[in-house]
Amino acid sequence: MELCYMVSISVLQEILQSEAKPNTRYTLMASGETVTVVHFGPGGLISQFAFPIVHRISDVPEDEGTLMLLVATERSREEQSFWLPLENKLLHCCSLNTVA
């Protein structure tokens, strides 16, 4: 069984911006039923990953109300500079927000 995370676009954006280096940046693009994460470096595109949108909350701004399911794919696991820091931040957030 694999861990998966349901997060909003705004939460993922915050996490990715905290991981960006001075010469790299992340962009999120919502299109149809997926959100694509694009990682750019000084030479252009480094990598990109798509995650499915699983729920939309009406009457909430799109970046906060659009929830996606983050699951490590074989490709994202290979790109350890992307997945490992992301998973560590998500695990830390989950441990802070557990319900007793």
Protein backbone atom coordinates (compact mmCIF):
# COMPACT_ATOMS: atom_id res chain seq x y z
CA MET A 1 0.00 0.00 0.00
CA GLU A 2 1.27 3.46 -0.88
CA LEU A 3 0.71 6.67 0.98
CA CYS A 4 -1.23 9.29 -0.89
CA TYR A 5 -2.11 12.83 0.05
CA MET A 6 -5.12 14.98 -0.76
CA VAL A 7 -4.08 18.61 -0.86
CA SER A 8 -5.31 21.86 -2.34
CA ILE A 9 -3.53 23.69 -5.10
CA SER A 10 -2.62 26.48 -2.66
CA VAL A 11 -1.04 24.08 -0.14
CA LEU A 12 0.98 22.34 -2.84
CA GLN A 13 2.08 25.72 -4.21
CA GLU A 14 3.31 26.79 -0.74
CA ILE A 15 5.26 23.56 -0.27
CA LEU A 16 6.85 23.72 -3.71
CA GLN A 17 7.83 27.38 -3.34
CA SER A 18 9.58 26.55 -0.07
CA GLU A 19 11.56 23.89 -1.98
CA ALA A 20 12.50 26.11 -4.94
CA LYS A 21 16.14 27.10 -5.22
CA PRO A 22 17.33 30.56 -6.34
CA ASN A 23 17.75 29.34 -9.92
CA THR A 24 14.66 27.10 -10.11
CA ARG A 25 10.90 27.55 -9.85
CA TYR A 26 7.72 25.49 -9.82
CA THR A 27 4.53 26.31 -11.71
CA LEU A 28 1.15 24.61 -11.19
CA MET A 29 -1.34 24.41 -14.03
CA ALA A 30 -4.88 23.13 -13.54
CA SER A 31 -6.46 21.83 -16.73
CA GLY A 32 -9.51 19.60 -16.97
CA GLU A 33 -9.24 16.94 -14.30
CA THR A 34 -5.49 17.21 -13.60
CA VAL A 35 -2.99 19.57 -12.04
CA THR A 36 0.43 19.56 -13.64
CA VAL A 37 3.52 20.55 -11.67
CA VAL A 38 6.26 21.96 -13.90
CA HIS A 39 9.78 22.41 -12.53
CA PHE A 40 11.96 24.92 -14.39
CA GLY A 41 15.68 25.50 -13.98
CA PRO A 42 18.22 27.84 -15.57
CA GLY A 43 18.25 25.76 -18.76
CA GLY A 44 14.48 25.41 -19.03
CA LEU A 45 12.23 22.46 -18.18
CA ILE A 46 13.62 20.05 -15.57
CA SER A 47 10.61 17.82 -15.01
CA GLN A 48 6.83 17.74 -14.87
CA PHE A 49 4.27 15.58 -13.10
CA ALA A 50 0.47 15.41 -13.31
CA PHE A 51 -1.89 14.57 -10.46
CA PRO A 52 -5.66 13.98 -10.68
CA ILE A 53 -8.17 16.44 -9.28
CA VAL A 54 -10.45 14.47 -6.97
CA HIS A 55 -12.76 17.13 -5.52
CA ARG A 56 -13.77 20.73 -6.03
CA ILE A 57 -15.38 22.75 -3.26
CA SER A 58 -17.88 25.27 -4.61
CA ASP A 59 -17.95 28.83 -3.26
CA VAL A 60 -14.25 28.58 -2.34
CA PRO A 61 -11.47 30.18 -4.42
CA GLU A 62 -10.18 27.70 -7.01
CA ASP A 63 -6.66 27.44 -5.56
CA GLU A 64 -8.04 26.57 -2.12
CA GLY A 65 -11.06 24.56 -3.17
CA THR A 66 -9.47 22.34 -5.80
CA LEU A 67 -8.15 19.18 -4.16
CA MET A 68 -5.79 16.81 -5.90
CA LEU A 69 -4.51 13.38 -5.03
CA LEU A 70 -0.74 13.15 -4.75
CA VAL A 71 0.53 9.62 -5.23
CA ALA A 72 4.14 8.77 -5.95
CA THR A 73 4.40 7.46 -9.46
CA GLU A 74 7.37 5.45 -10.64
CA ARG A 75 8.54 8.52 -12.55
CA SER A 76 8.17 10.93 -9.62
CA ARG A 77 10.01 8.51 -7.31
CA GLU A 78 12.90 8.48 -9.79
CA GLU A 79 13.03 12.27 -9.55
CA GLN A 80 14.05 12.24 -5.88
CA SER A 81 14.75 15.95 -5.80
CA PHE A 82 11.02 16.39 -6.40
CA TRP A 83 9.25 13.62 -4.51
CA LEU A 84 11.33 13.13 -1.34
CA PRO A 85 11.22 16.76 -0.12
CA LEU A 86 7.54 16.95 -1.06
CA GLU A 87 6.69 13.78 0.85
CA ASN A 88 8.70 14.89 3.90
CA LYS A 89 6.79 18.19 4.04
CA LEU A 90 3.45 16.41 3.56
CA LEU A 91 4.24 13.88 6.29
CA HIS A 92 5.22 16.72 8.61
CA CYS A 93 1.98 18.62 7.82
CA CYS A 94 -0.08 15.47 8.41
CA SER A 95 1.57 14.82 11.77
CA LEU A 96 0.79 18.39 12.86
CA ASN A 97 -2.86 18.12 11.79
CA THR A 98 -3.84 14.73 13.18
CA VAL A 99 -7.07 14.45 15.12
CA ALA A 100 -6.90 12.73 18.49
